[in-house]
Amino acid sequence: MNKIKLRARVLDGETLVAQSPDFTLVDGWSEAALPNPAGILPAGLWGKVPGGDPYLLHINVLSTMPLGGGDIFELQSGAPIQPRARFRPTPSNYQLLLVRPTDRLRLLIGQIDVKVELLVESIGGVNELGSRMFDWAKAAQAAAMPGATSAEITGPAQVPSWAGTFHLVHDSAANDSVTLPPRGLVPLDATLTFTRRGVGTPVLTAVGDDKLTGAVSNMAVTRTVFVMNNGYEWAVVGT
């Protein structure tokens, strides 16, 4: 976030400050004195925000007396100039504005010797708001996605519903029946690997009206199969 503080003698709402004032760093703020008079600031803020990127802006005016009804901040579009937003920039305001590089910031304040505080959060660029929101969303999605799990069975079993990737190993000397859950309980992007390790040949079995590939209700597994819900039946690949 960029923190900019501008000292102004007169804010007349008319005079464009095209030339950058001299900035110094004071208590974490980029601070400068505006020429007298001043009234309209270019939205690029003289290179103090990443060039070409839109940004979110909170603005308020610090004055010795409360601001009056005629004291305004106005966000203007670039040429042709049109007002986009207007409000009284008191320190207690909750206005957040989306500002474009071609916009103008207009200030008309009746008092003299005031300070203008601008909190700028750029949307584009590395480590700016847009990229951070993308990183947060990606991290949240990754955290919500189930990871891979595995289990071993040594006899007949009912496979629980699963999400993500589930590796199931059968290790038994018997030809056990291994029953799949109702297909509607398993997401379409979930995958089961079912592997025979023991001497016995397990039989993968569907329940109710569910079917395996080939419209069969059960299938003997001699090695490894991949099982997925394709929305119509259990898709089984392998032997």
Protein backbone atom coordinates (compact mmCIF):
# COMPACT_ATOMS: atom_id res chain seq x y z
CA MET A 1 0.00 0.00 0.00
CA ASN A 2 1.19 3.52 -0.83
CA LYS A 3 0.59 6.16 1.84
CA ILE A 4 0.68 9.72 0.53
CA LYS A 5 0.18 12.89 2.58
CA LEU A 6 -0.14 16.25 0.84
CA ARG A 7 0.04 19.61 2.63
CA ALA A 8 -2.07 22.28 0.95
CA ARG A 9 -2.58 26.00 1.60
CA VAL A 10 -5.62 26.32 -0.69
CA LEU A 11 -7.62 23.60 -2.44
CA ASP A 12 -9.72 25.48 -4.97
CA GLY A 13 -11.10 22.57 -7.01
CA GLU A 14 -9.79 24.12 -10.24
CA THR A 15 -6.00 24.34 -10.44
CA LEU A 16 -4.34 21.27 -11.95
CA VAL A 17 -1.09 20.17 -10.28
CA ALA A 18 0.66 18.67 -13.29
CA GLN A 19 4.20 18.94 -11.90
CA SER A 20 5.22 16.56 -9.13
CA PRO A 21 5.95 18.23 -5.78
CA ASP A 22 9.05 17.22 -3.84
CA PHE A 23 8.36 14.20 -1.65
CA THR A 24 10.09 13.14 1.54
CA LEU A 25 9.47 10.10 3.72
CA VAL A 26 7.96 11.09 7.08
CA ASP A 27 6.80 8.41 9.54
CA GLY A 28 6.11 5.97 6.73
CA TRP A 29 4.23 8.50 4.57
CA SER A 30 5.39 10.02 1.30
CA GLU A 31 4.80 13.67 2.18
CA ALA A 32 4.90 16.79 0.03
CA ALA A 33 3.61 20.36 -0.10
CA LEU A 34 1.30 21.23 -2.99
CA PRO A 35 1.70 24.53 -4.82
CA ASN A 36 -0.67 27.36 -3.91
CA PRO A 37 -3.37 27.14 -5.14
CA ALA A 38 -4.07 23.50 -5.98
CA GLY A 39 -7.28 21.65 -6.68
CA ILE A 40 -6.94 18.84 -9.22
CA LEU A 41 -4.44 15.99 -9.00
CA PRO A 42 -3.62 13.55 -11.80
CA ALA A 43 -4.69 10.03 -10.85
CA GLY A 44 -1.20 8.74 -11.57
CA LEU A 45 -0.03 10.81 -8.58
CA TRP A 46 3.20 11.69 -10.34
CA GLY A 47 4.47 8.10 -10.46
CA LYS A 48 3.74 7.30 -6.82
CA VAL A 49 1.48 4.42 -7.94
CA PRO A 50 2.46 1.70 -10.47
CA GLY A 51 2.10 3.22 -13.92
CA GLY A 52 -0.91 2.13 -15.93
CA ASP A 53 -2.54 0.11 -13.14
CA PRO A 54 -5.94 0.92 -11.62
CA TYR A 55 -6.01 1.19 -7.85
CA LEU A 56 -8.28 1.39 -4.84
CA LEU A 57 -8.23 4.73 -3.04
CA HIS A 58 -9.30 5.96 0.36
CA ILE A 59 -8.99 9.72 0.77
CA ASN A 60 -9.59 12.09 3.66
CA VAL A 61 -8.77 15.68 4.53
CA LEU A 62 -7.36 16.67 7.93
CA SER A 63 -8.35 20.17 9.00
CA THR A 64 -8.51 22.21 12.20
CA MET A 65 -12.29 22.65 11.87
CA PRO A 66 -14.94 20.14 10.72
CA LEU A 67 -15.48 20.07 6.98
CA GLY A 68 -18.54 21.93 5.71
CA GLY A 69 -21.25 21.03 3.22
CA GLY A 70 -19.39 22.67 0.37
CA ASP A 71 -16.17 20.78 0.98
CA ILE A 72 -15.97 17.96 -1.54
CA PHE A 73 -13.76 15.39 -3.15
CA GLU A 74 -14.68 14.44 -6.70
CA LEU A 75 -13.33 11.62 -8.79
CA GLN A 76 -13.40 12.67 -12.42
CA SER A 77 -12.96 10.65 -15.59
CA GLY A 78 -10.37 11.63 -18.15
CA ALA A 79 -11.34 13.64 -21.22
CA PRO A 80 -14.15 14.18 -21.79
CA ILE A 81 -14.23 15.03 -18.10
CA GLN A 82 -17.22 13.64 -16.20
CA PRO A 83 -17.71 13.30 -12.42
CA ARG A 84 -17.61 9.63 -11.36
CA ALA A 85 -18.03 10.02 -7.58
CA ARG A 86 -18.39 12.88 -5.11
CA PHE A 87 -18.45 12.98 -1.31
CA ARG A 88 -17.21 14.90 1.72
CA PRO A 89 -13.69 13.56 2.47
CA THR A 90 -13.92 13.49 6.28
CA PRO A 91 -11.50 11.25 8.20
CA SER A 92 -14.49 9.08 9.20
CA ASN A 93 -15.64 8.33 5.62
CA TYR A 94 -15.81 4.74 4.43
CA GLN A 95 -15.57 5.42 0.70
CA LEU A 96 -13.30 3.15 -1.35
CA LEU A 97 -12.89 4.16 -4.98
CA LEU A 98 -11.62 2.32 -8.00
CA VAL A 99 -9.36 4.84 -9.74
CA ARG A 100 -8.12 4.52 -13.30
CA PRO A 101 -4.83 6.00 -14.52
CA THR A 102 -6.66 8.46 -16.75
CA ASP A 103 -8.86 9.84 -13.94
CA ARG A 104 -8.43 13.09 -12.00
CA LEU A 105 -8.80 13.77 -8.27
CA ARG A 106 -10.55 17.06 -7.54
CA LEU A 107 -10.56 18.71 -4.11
CA LEU A 108 -12.54 21.80 -3.11
CA ILE A 109 -12.00 22.68 0.56
CA GLY A 110 -13.01 25.99 2.09
CA GLN A 111 -10.42 25.96 4.87
CA ILE A 112 -6.76 26.82 4.51
CA ASP A 113 -3.71 24.87 5.63
CA VAL A 114 -5.06 21.32 5.44
CA LYS A 115 -3.53 17.91 4.89
CA VAL A 116 -4.79 15.36 2.38
CA GLU A 117 -4.19 11.68 3.14
CA LEU A 118 -4.38 9.15 0.31
CA LEU A 119 -4.19 5.41 0.94
CA VAL A 120 -3.51 3.70 -2.37
CA GLU A 121 -3.73 -0.06 -2.98
CA SER A 122 -2.69 -0.99 -6.50
CA ILE A 123 -4.62 -3.81 -8.16
CA GLY A 124 -2.00 -4.86 -10.72
CA GLY A 125 1.66 -5.74 -10.40
CA VAL A 126 3.65 -8.24 -8.36
CA ASN A 127 2.59 -8.43 -4.69
CA GLU A 128 -0.17 -5.90 -5.28
CA LEU A 129 -3.82 -6.46 -4.41
CA GLY A 130 -4.77 -8.37 -7.55
CA SER A 131 -1.86 -10.83 -7.37
CA ARG A 132 -2.30 -11.27 -3.61
CA MET A 133 -6.01 -12.02 -4.03
CA PHE A 134 -5.16 -14.57 -6.74
CA ASP A 135 -2.58 -16.19 -4.44
CA TRP A 136 -5.07 -16.25 -1.55
CA ALA A 137 -7.76 -17.82 -3.75
CA LYS A 138 -5.33 -20.41 -5.09
CA ALA A 139 -4.14 -21.28 -1.57
CA ALA A 140 -7.73 -21.57 -0.32
CA GLN A 141 -8.62 -23.84 -3.24
CA ALA A 142 -5.57 -26.01 -2.61
CA ALA A 143 -6.41 -26.26 1.08
CA ALA A 144 -9.99 -27.28 0.28
CA MET A 145 -8.97 -29.98 -2.20
CA PRO A 146 -8.58 -33.41 -0.62
CA GLY A 147 -5.17 -35.03 -0.87
CA ALA A 148 -4.34 -38.63 -1.70
CA THR A 149 -5.07 -41.32 0.91
CA SER A 150 -4.37 -45.05 1.04
CA ALA A 151 -5.64 -48.09 2.93
CA GLU A 152 -5.16 -51.86 3.02
CA ILE A 153 -7.88 -54.47 3.48
CA THR A 154 -7.39 -58.17 4.34
CA GLY A 155 -10.92 -59.47 3.83
CA PRO A 156 -14.34 -58.58 2.48
CA ALA A 157 -14.93 -54.83 2.71
CA GLN A 158 -17.30 -51.97 1.98
CA VAL A 159 -15.41 -49.11 0.33
CA PRO A 160 -16.40 -45.76 1.88
CA SER A 161 -17.24 -42.80 -0.33
CA TRP A 162 -14.11 -40.78 -1.12
CA ALA A 163 -12.89 -37.57 -2.72
CA GLY A 164 -9.58 -36.86 -4.41
CA THR A 165 -7.38 -39.93 -4.90
CA PHE A 166 -7.84 -43.09 -2.83
CA HIS A 167 -5.38 -45.99 -3.11
CA LEU A 168 -6.86 -49.26 -1.84
CA VAL A 169 -4.83 -52.48 -1.58
CA HIS A 170 -6.33 -55.97 -1.09
CA ASP A 171 -4.00 -58.46 0.64
CA SER A 172 -5.75 -61.74 1.33
CA ALA A 173 -5.67 -65.40 0.34
CA ALA A 174 -9.44 -65.40 -0.21
CA ASN A 175 -11.49 -64.25 -3.19
CA ASP A 176 -13.18 -61.49 -1.20
CA SER A 177 -16.03 -59.28 -2.34
CA VAL A 178 -15.10 -55.58 -2.15
CA THR A 179 -18.21 -53.42 -2.49
CA LEU A 180 -18.16 -49.91 -3.91
CA PRO A 181 -20.26 -47.15 -2.27
CA PRO A 182 -23.38 -45.81 -4.02
CA ARG A 183 -22.01 -44.04 -7.08
CA GLY A 184 -23.90 -40.81 -6.35
CA LEU A 185 -21.81 -40.29 -3.20
CA VAL A 186 -18.51 -40.05 -5.10
CA PRO A 187 -17.52 -36.82 -6.96
CA LEU A 188 -16.85 -36.98 -10.68
CA ASP A 189 -13.22 -35.93 -10.19
CA ALA A 190 -12.46 -38.63 -7.59
CA THR A 191 -10.22 -41.59 -8.47
CA LEU A 192 -9.81 -44.98 -6.81
CA THR A 193 -6.89 -47.28 -7.50
CA PHE A 194 -7.61 -50.83 -6.40
CA THR A 195 -4.68 -53.26 -6.29
CA ARG A 196 -4.49 -57.00 -5.68
CA ARG A 197 -1.45 -57.92 -3.59
CA GLY A 198 -2.32 -61.29 -2.01
CA VAL A 199 -2.97 -64.74 -3.41
CA GLY A 200 -6.75 -64.27 -3.50
CA THR A 201 -8.55 -62.58 -6.37
CA PRO A 202 -10.81 -59.82 -5.03
CA VAL A 203 -14.12 -59.12 -6.73
CA LEU A 204 -15.07 -55.48 -7.13
CA THR A 205 -18.84 -55.19 -6.73
CA ALA A 206 -21.33 -52.39 -7.43
CA VAL A 207 -24.40 -51.87 -5.22
CA GLY A 208 -28.04 -51.43 -6.16
CA ASP A 209 -28.56 -50.40 -9.76
CA ASP A 210 -24.96 -49.21 -10.20
CA LYS A 211 -22.94 -50.86 -12.95
CA LEU A 212 -19.28 -51.23 -13.81
CA THR A 213 -17.84 -50.74 -17.30
CA GLY A 214 -19.58 -53.14 -19.68
CA ALA A 215 -22.85 -52.98 -17.72
CA VAL A 216 -21.70 -55.66 -15.27
CA SER A 217 -22.30 -55.69 -11.53
CA ASN A 218 -18.94 -57.15 -10.48
CA MET A 219 -15.46 -57.66 -11.79
CA ALA A 220 -12.52 -59.79 -10.64
CA VAL A 221 -9.30 -57.80 -10.18
CA THR A 222 -6.05 -59.58 -10.91
CA ARG A 223 -3.67 -56.62 -10.86
CA THR A 224 -4.66 -52.95 -10.53
CA VAL A 225 -7.71 -51.04 -11.76
CA PHE A 226 -8.58 -47.35 -11.79
CA VAL A 227 -12.18 -46.63 -10.82
CA MET A 228 -14.02 -43.35 -11.49
CA ASN A 229 -17.60 -42.13 -11.47
CA ASN A 230 -18.27 -40.86 -15.00
CA GLY A 231 -21.81 -39.77 -14.19
CA TYR A 232 -23.41 -42.83 -15.80
CA GLU A 233 -21.59 -45.85 -14.37
CA TRP A 234 -18.36 -46.87 -12.69
CA ALA A 235 -15.62 -46.45 -15.31
CA VAL A 236 -13.05 -49.17 -14.62
CA VAL A 237 -9.70 -49.22 -16.40
CA GLY A 238 -7.22 -52.07 -15.92
CA THR A 239 -7.41 -55.74 -14.97
